[in-house]
Protein backbone atom coordinates (compact mmCIF):
# COMPACT_ATOMS: atom_id res chain seq x y z
CA MET A 1 -24.45 -8.81 -12.42
CA LYS A 2 -21.09 -8.72 -10.89
CA THR A 3 -20.68 -9.92 -7.47
CA TYR A 4 -17.44 -9.28 -4.66
CA TYR A 5 -17.01 -10.79 -1.92
CA ARG A 6 -15.66 -9.02 1.33
CA ALA A 7 -14.28 -11.36 4.22
CA ILE A 8 -15.52 -9.82 7.57
CA ALA A 9 -11.75 -9.65 9.23
CA GLN A 10 -12.21 -10.53 13.21
CA THR A 11 -8.50 -10.57 15.94
CA ASP A 12 -10.87 -12.03 18.85
CA VAL A 13 -8.66 -14.57 20.63
CA ALA A 14 -12.34 -16.13 20.64
CA ARG A 15 -12.18 -17.78 17.52
CA PRO A 16 -14.78 -20.16 16.28
CA GLU A 17 -14.00 -23.75 14.65
CA ALA A 18 -15.08 -23.06 11.26
CA ALA A 19 -13.19 -19.83 11.13
CA LEU A 20 -10.86 -19.47 8.29
CA SER A 21 -7.59 -17.40 8.10
CA LEU A 22 -7.44 -14.67 5.62
CA ALA A 23 -4.74 -14.55 3.18
CA GLY A 24 -2.68 -16.69 5.56
CA GLY A 25 -2.03 -14.20 7.70
CA TRP A 26 -3.73 -12.99 11.32
CA THR A 27 -7.02 -12.23 11.02
CA TRP A 28 -10.12 -14.78 10.87
CA PHE A 29 -13.11 -14.50 9.23
CA SER A 30 -16.45 -16.55 9.45
CA HIS A 31 -18.80 -14.91 7.62
CA VAL A 32 -18.71 -12.64 3.98
CA GLU A 33 -20.02 -9.71 2.90
CA MET A 34 -21.49 -9.92 -0.31
CA LEU A 35 -21.44 -7.02 -2.37
CA THR A 36 -23.52 -5.80 -6.24
CA ARG A 37 -23.37 -2.38 -7.88
CA ASP A 38 -27.43 -2.79 -7.49
CA ALA A 39 -28.75 -4.04 -4.30
CA ALA A 40 -28.02 -3.59 -0.37
CA PRO A 41 -24.90 -5.58 1.07
CA LYS A 42 -25.56 -9.20 2.74
CA VAL A 43 -23.94 -11.06 5.39
CA ILE A 44 -23.23 -14.46 4.54
CA GLU A 45 -21.51 -17.62 5.89
CA ILE A 46 -18.24 -19.16 4.56
CA ALA A 47 -20.42 -21.89 3.40
CA GLU A 48 -22.23 -19.70 0.77
CA VAL A 49 -18.60 -18.29 -0.94
CA PRO A 50 -17.63 -19.76 -4.44
CA LYS A 51 -15.20 -22.01 -3.83
CA THR A 52 -12.49 -20.04 -6.07
CA VAL A 53 -13.10 -16.82 -4.10
CA LEU A 54 -12.51 -18.73 -1.16
CA ASP A 55 -9.39 -20.15 -2.13
CA ALA A 56 -8.18 -16.53 -3.41
CA ILE A 57 -9.07 -15.34 0.30
CA THR A 58 -7.60 -17.80 1.75
CA ALA A 59 -4.41 -18.66 0.46
CA PRO A 60 -1.43 -17.71 2.22
CA ARG A 61 0.48 -14.64 0.47
CA PRO A 62 4.25 -15.84 -0.71
CA ASP A 63 6.78 -14.37 0.75
CA PHE A 64 7.90 -10.85 -1.28
CA GLY A 65 11.37 -11.44 -1.19
CA ALA A 66 12.76 -11.94 2.23
CA LEU A 67 9.53 -10.18 3.52
CA SER A 68 6.45 -12.53 4.78
CA MET A 69 3.43 -11.85 4.15
CA ARG A 70 1.98 -13.82 7.30
CA ILE A 71 2.89 -10.76 9.73
CA PRO A 72 2.86 -6.89 9.25
CA GLN A 73 5.15 -4.96 7.19
CA ILE A 74 6.08 -1.37 7.82
CA MET A 75 6.95 0.53 4.33
CA GLY A 76 8.90 3.82 5.73
CA ILE A 77 8.80 6.94 3.19
CA LEU A 78 11.60 8.66 1.90
CA ASN A 79 10.94 11.29 0.02
CA VAL A 80 14.07 13.15 -1.89
CA THR A 81 12.22 15.80 -2.74
CA PRO A 82 12.05 19.40 -2.08
CA ASP A 83 8.23 19.70 -2.43
CA SER A 84 7.04 16.67 -1.09
CA PHE A 85 3.43 18.05 1.40
CA SER A 86 4.77 16.76 4.79
CA ASP A 87 8.95 15.91 4.40
CA GLY A 88 9.39 17.95 1.32
CA GLY A 89 13.13 19.56 1.35
CA GLN A 90 14.06 17.58 4.71
CA HIS A 91 16.04 14.55 2.52
CA ASP A 92 16.82 15.57 -0.79
CA ASN A 93 20.44 15.84 0.55
CA PRO A 94 21.92 12.05 -0.57
CA GLU A 95 23.99 11.77 2.97
CA GLN A 96 20.60 13.08 4.41
CA ALA A 97 18.55 10.37 2.72
CA VAL A 98 20.97 8.02 3.86
CA ASP A 99 21.18 8.86 7.53
CA ARG A 100 17.14 8.88 7.45
CA ALA A 101 16.31 5.48 5.93
CA ARG A 102 19.42 3.91 8.43
CA HIS A 103 17.11 5.53 11.39
CA MET A 104 13.69 4.04 9.69
CA VAL A 105 15.20 0.79 9.56
CA GLN A 106 16.73 0.86 13.39
CA GLN A 107 12.86 1.96 14.47
CA GLY A 108 11.40 -0.75 12.43
CA ALA A 109 11.19 -0.57 8.77
CA THR A 110 10.96 -3.60 6.87
CA LEU A 111 10.79 -1.87 3.38
CA ILE A 112 12.23 1.89 2.32
CA ASP A 113 10.28 3.46 -0.38
CA ILE A 114 12.00 6.20 -2.09
CA GLY A 115 9.96 8.95 -3.91
CA GLY A 116 11.75 11.76 -6.08
CA GLU A 117 8.77 13.13 -7.40
CA SER A 118 5.95 14.96 -5.29
CA THR A 119 2.57 13.51 -5.54
CA ARG A 120 1.05 15.31 -3.57
CA PRO A 121 -2.35 17.51 -4.72
CA GLY A 122 -1.10 19.94 -7.16
CA ALA A 123 2.30 18.98 -7.87
CA VAL A 124 3.59 19.29 -11.55
CA LYS A 125 5.78 16.85 -12.90
CA VAL A 126 9.33 16.45 -12.45
CA PRO A 127 11.59 15.91 -15.89
CA THR A 128 12.76 12.86 -16.02
CA GLU A 129 16.44 12.81 -16.08
CA GLU A 130 16.10 15.45 -12.43
CA GLU A 131 14.31 12.37 -10.91
CA ILE A 132 16.80 9.94 -11.97
CA ARG A 133 19.13 12.45 -10.32
CA ARG A 134 17.38 12.55 -6.99
CA THR A 135 16.85 8.78 -6.95
CA ALA A 136 19.20 6.72 -8.37
CA PRO A 137 22.48 7.74 -5.86
CA VAL A 138 20.47 7.45 -2.92
CA ILE A 139 18.86 3.59 -3.98
CA ALA A 140 22.72 3.14 -4.47
CA ALA A 141 24.15 4.03 -1.45
CA LEU A 142 20.66 2.38 0.61
CA SER A 143 20.90 -0.80 -1.42
CA ALA A 144 24.99 -1.70 -0.55
CA SER A 145 24.38 -0.81 2.76
CA LEU A 146 20.98 -1.14 4.81
CA GLY A 147 19.88 -4.74 5.14
CA VAL A 148 16.37 -4.00 4.03
CA PRO A 149 15.06 -3.64 0.58
CA VAL A 150 14.50 -1.16 -0.89
CA SER A 151 11.52 0.47 -3.86
CA ILE A 152 11.31 3.03 -6.16
CA ASP A 153 8.01 4.84 -6.11
CA THR A 154 7.38 6.04 -9.53
CA ARG A 155 5.53 6.62 -13.13
CA LYS A 156 8.64 6.75 -15.39
CA ALA A 157 10.03 3.57 -16.97
CA PRO A 158 13.56 5.40 -17.21
CA VAL A 159 13.46 6.09 -13.82
CA ALA A 160 12.52 2.65 -12.60
CA LYS A 161 15.46 1.49 -14.85
CA ALA A 162 17.88 3.38 -13.33
CA ALA A 163 16.37 2.37 -9.61
CA ILE A 164 16.48 -1.24 -10.61
CA GLU A 165 20.11 -1.06 -11.69
CA ALA A 166 21.29 0.98 -8.21
CA GLY A 167 19.44 -1.96 -6.67
CA ALA A 168 15.91 -0.83 -6.09
CA PHE A 169 13.84 -4.06 -5.45
CA LEU A 170 10.71 -3.41 -6.19
CA VAL A 171 8.72 -0.17 -8.25
CA ASN A 172 5.65 1.59 -6.58
CA ASP A 173 3.66 3.21 -9.48
CA VAL A 174 1.18 5.78 -7.82
CA ALA A 175 -0.68 5.52 -11.44
CA GLY A 176 -0.92 2.20 -11.43
CA PHE A 177 0.67 1.55 -14.88
CA THR A 178 -1.39 3.75 -16.99
CA PHE A 179 1.15 6.82 -17.01
CA ASP A 180 3.96 4.84 -18.68
CA PRO A 181 2.87 2.40 -20.93
CA ASP A 182 6.98 1.44 -20.80
CA LEU A 183 6.87 0.94 -17.25
CA ALA A 184 4.93 -2.20 -17.31
CA PRO A 185 7.22 -3.94 -19.89
CA LEU A 186 10.39 -3.09 -18.07
CA CYS A 187 9.33 -4.33 -15.08
CA ALA A 188 8.15 -7.78 -16.47
CA THR A 189 11.65 -7.84 -18.56
CA LYS A 190 13.47 -7.15 -15.03
CA SER A 191 11.73 -9.72 -13.31
CA VAL A 192 10.91 -7.06 -10.20
CA PRO A 193 7.89 -6.99 -7.84
CA VAL A 194 5.38 -4.19 -8.48
CA CYS A 195 2.79 -2.50 -6.35
CA VAL A 196 -0.31 -1.34 -8.19
CA MET A 197 -2.48 1.86 -7.01
CA HIS A 198 -5.48 3.36 -7.73
CA ALA A 199 -5.41 7.40 -8.64
CA GLN A 200 -8.43 9.22 -10.33
CA GLY A 201 -6.39 11.62 -12.21
CA ASP A 202 -2.95 12.75 -12.17
CA PRO A 203 -1.44 14.44 -9.19
CA ALA A 204 -1.98 18.33 -10.47
CA THR A 205 -5.53 17.82 -10.82
CA MET A 206 -6.72 14.54 -8.74
CA GLN A 207 -8.62 16.86 -6.15
CA ASP A 208 -10.49 18.98 -8.57
CA ASP A 209 -13.87 17.17 -8.61
CA PRO A 210 -13.04 13.30 -8.31
CA HIS A 211 -16.49 10.81 -8.51
CA TYR A 212 -17.44 7.43 -8.76
CA ASP A 213 -20.40 5.48 -9.39
CA ASP A 214 -19.25 2.83 -6.28
CA VAL A 215 -15.65 4.02 -5.71
CA LEU A 216 -15.23 0.68 -3.36
CA LEU A 217 -16.00 -1.67 -6.55
CA ASP A 218 -14.78 0.81 -9.37
CA VAL A 219 -11.45 0.84 -7.16
CA TYR A 220 -11.72 -3.03 -7.15
CA ASP A 221 -12.43 -3.35 -11.10
CA PHE A 222 -9.49 -0.93 -11.76
CA LEU A 223 -7.03 -3.02 -9.73
CA GLU A 224 -8.54 -6.50 -11.20
CA ARG A 225 -7.77 -5.20 -14.21
CA GLN A 226 -4.39 -4.25 -13.43
CA ILE A 227 -3.45 -7.13 -12.50
CA ALA A 228 -4.46 -9.21 -15.49
CA LEU A 229 -2.63 -6.78 -17.45
CA LEU A 230 0.03 -7.20 -15.49
CA THR A 231 0.10 -11.02 -15.67
CA LYS A 232 -0.75 -10.90 -19.28
CA LEU A 233 2.42 -9.03 -19.77
CA GLY A 234 5.22 -12.10 -17.61
CA ILE A 235 4.92 -10.61 -14.04
CA PRO A 236 3.07 -13.38 -11.80
CA GLN A 237 0.57 -12.53 -9.51
CA ASP A 238 2.53 -13.46 -6.18
CA GLN A 239 4.72 -10.39 -7.07
CA ILE A 240 1.99 -7.79 -7.47
CA VAL A 241 0.74 -5.77 -4.56
CA VAL A 242 -1.94 -3.91 -4.43
CA ASP A 243 -2.71 -0.37 -3.18
CA PRO A 244 -6.63 1.20 -2.78
CA GLY A 245 -4.41 5.21 -3.36
CA ILE A 246 -6.34 6.74 -0.33
CA GLY A 247 -6.46 10.50 -1.17
CA PHE A 248 -5.37 10.01 -4.59
CA GLY A 249 -8.76 11.87 -6.48
CA LYS A 250 -10.61 10.90 -3.74
CA THR A 251 -12.75 13.22 -1.28
CA ILE A 252 -13.41 12.82 2.42
CA ALA A 253 -16.26 10.26 2.18
CA HIS A 254 -14.24 8.18 -0.87
CA ASN A 255 -11.35 7.19 1.52
CA LEU A 256 -13.72 6.39 4.64
CA ALA A 257 -15.67 3.77 2.23
CA LEU A 258 -12.56 2.62 0.81
CA LEU A 259 -11.21 2.03 4.71
CA ALA A 260 -13.95 0.85 6.27
CA ARG A 261 -14.00 -2.21 3.85
CA ILE A 262 -10.19 -2.28 2.76
CA SER A 263 -10.60 -6.47 3.11
CA LEU A 264 -12.46 -6.60 0.34
CA PHE A 265 -8.98 -6.13 -1.53
CA HIS A 266 -7.68 -9.62 -0.29
CA SER A 267 -10.56 -10.83 -3.23
CA LEU A 268 -7.84 -9.87 -5.60
CA GLY A 269 -5.34 -13.00 -4.32
CA CYS A 270 -2.22 -10.40 -3.56
CA PRO A 271 -0.91 -8.64 -0.77
CA VAL A 272 -2.69 -5.01 0.27
CA LEU A 273 -0.73 -1.80 0.86
CA LEU A 274 -2.25 0.46 2.77
CA GLY A 275 -0.78 4.55 2.46
CA ALA A 276 -2.61 7.07 4.74
CA SER A 277 0.12 8.76 6.58
CA ARG A 278 -0.57 12.02 7.20
CA LYS A 279 -2.70 12.85 4.77
CA GLY A 280 -5.47 15.33 3.98
CA PHE A 281 -8.45 13.52 5.67
CA ILE A 282 -6.60 13.18 9.02
CA ARG A 283 -6.25 16.89 8.75
CA HIS A 284 -9.38 17.60 8.47
CA ILE A 285 -11.13 14.89 10.45
CA GLY A 286 -8.53 15.10 13.54
CA HIS A 287 -8.27 19.41 13.12
CA ALA A 288 -4.34 18.73 12.38
CA PRO A 289 -2.97 21.13 9.52
CA ASP A 290 0.11 20.86 10.31
CA PRO A 291 1.41 17.25 8.85
CA ASN A 292 4.36 16.48 11.89
CA ARG A 293 1.07 16.76 14.00
CA ARG A 294 -0.92 13.60 12.17
CA ILE A 295 0.71 10.86 13.62
CA GLY A 296 -2.24 9.50 16.14
CA GLY A 297 -4.48 9.98 13.13
CA SER A 298 -2.15 7.94 11.04
CA VAL A 299 -1.34 5.46 13.63
CA ALA A 300 -5.11 4.93 13.93
CA ILE A 301 -5.75 4.35 10.63
CA ALA A 302 -2.52 1.57 10.12
CA LEU A 303 -4.10 -0.39 12.91
CA GLU A 304 -7.63 -0.30 11.59
CA GLY A 305 -5.67 -1.67 8.39
CA LEU A 306 -3.96 -4.09 9.72
CA ALA A 307 -6.98 -4.92 11.96
CA GLN A 308 -8.73 -6.15 8.30
CA GLY A 309 -5.61 -7.67 7.12
CA VAL A 310 -3.54 -5.09 5.55
CA GLN A 311 -0.16 -6.73 4.89
CA ILE A 312 2.21 -3.47 4.22
CA VAL A 313 1.39 -0.18 6.06
CA ARG A 314 3.41 2.92 4.01
CA VAL A 315 4.32 5.08 6.83
CA HIS A 316 6.44 8.41 7.45
CA ASP A 317 6.35 8.05 11.83
CA VAL A 318 7.87 4.46 11.53
CA GLU A 319 8.88 4.10 15.22
CA ASP A 320 5.13 5.07 16.74
CA THR A 321 3.79 2.38 13.87
CA ARG A 322 5.87 -0.32 14.98
CA GLN A 323 5.32 0.26 18.95
CA ALA A 324 1.38 0.61 18.46
CA LEU A 325 1.40 -2.61 16.01
CA GLN A 326 3.31 -4.61 18.64
CA LEU A 327 0.74 -3.28 21.82
CA TRP A 328 -2.29 -3.78 20.04
CA GLN A 329 -0.92 -7.29 18.78
CA ALA A 330 0.37 -8.00 22.30
CA ALA A 331 -3.34 -6.74 23.38
CA THR A 332 -5.58 -8.52 21.06
CA THR A 333 -3.62 -12.06 20.95
CA GLY A 334 -1.39 -12.16 24.38
CA ASP A 335 1.57 -12.56 21.71
CA TYR A 336 3.48 -9.40 19.11
CA PHE A 337 4.75 -9.76 15.75
CA GLY A 338 8.40 -10.21 16.51
CA ALA A 339 8.75 -11.51 20.16
């Protein structure tokens, strides 16, 4: 029977002497939730956790290029597509895209994620050549002038190759390196960091009937397998970010189960990325049919992720997230990131 260990993250100013830092970051823990597939969760003290597991949970995450994993990082979303669910058509002109990226950096983004293929529910596959045409020129322009790293959001090796050659720092694959068998070897050969995300099904069908035995543990097992695959190919573990894939082949209940215990994924020994900005579950729970009116819900979810030690939040609304993050940190510790 496989056992999973989740650090119960805390941010309170009254930290016990025996508490440990979670992933070398801004949260701490003194107890761990022990999870299995055939028994109720059990809260245990850190002394009861196997040393190898505790080492993975507590080890400081190395810097990701120029990005420190000891403080939260804000990834700004830039979709150069005509049909993305929230900002489709707003930045598909290269000049508009570059202006938008610069504006996000001024607002506090420390990483810009460029996507040329919509992955909203029901979206259809974009031809490779078109995806390259949309993304590579923008990445080249931004890499030459932006001053922060740029990532490429793609499932396809040729698109990633063009993006890397244009200056992309990271490859962010929403398919978790299961769509194109050439993508992971390319990233290993090019020595670029990667983000591996979980998704059930492809965008066209992923919301038709998603189901899991246990969504939290199923997603964990998938990410663990993909980390093993990527490291076997030659990508160092400290160059891998994991993303549980909120909204990708998941019901509202699935999303909430992942968010409630997202600190479990620190046990994988990699930085964790949370991308929930403006997604459909916020529409339903927050009664916000217009994606542009989901800022409050998006910020609330981002802050909960950060309270559980998530190192990177992927957002549309950079300034609102940055402001909320700084005030949250100031209110909980009397200090704030970037002071």
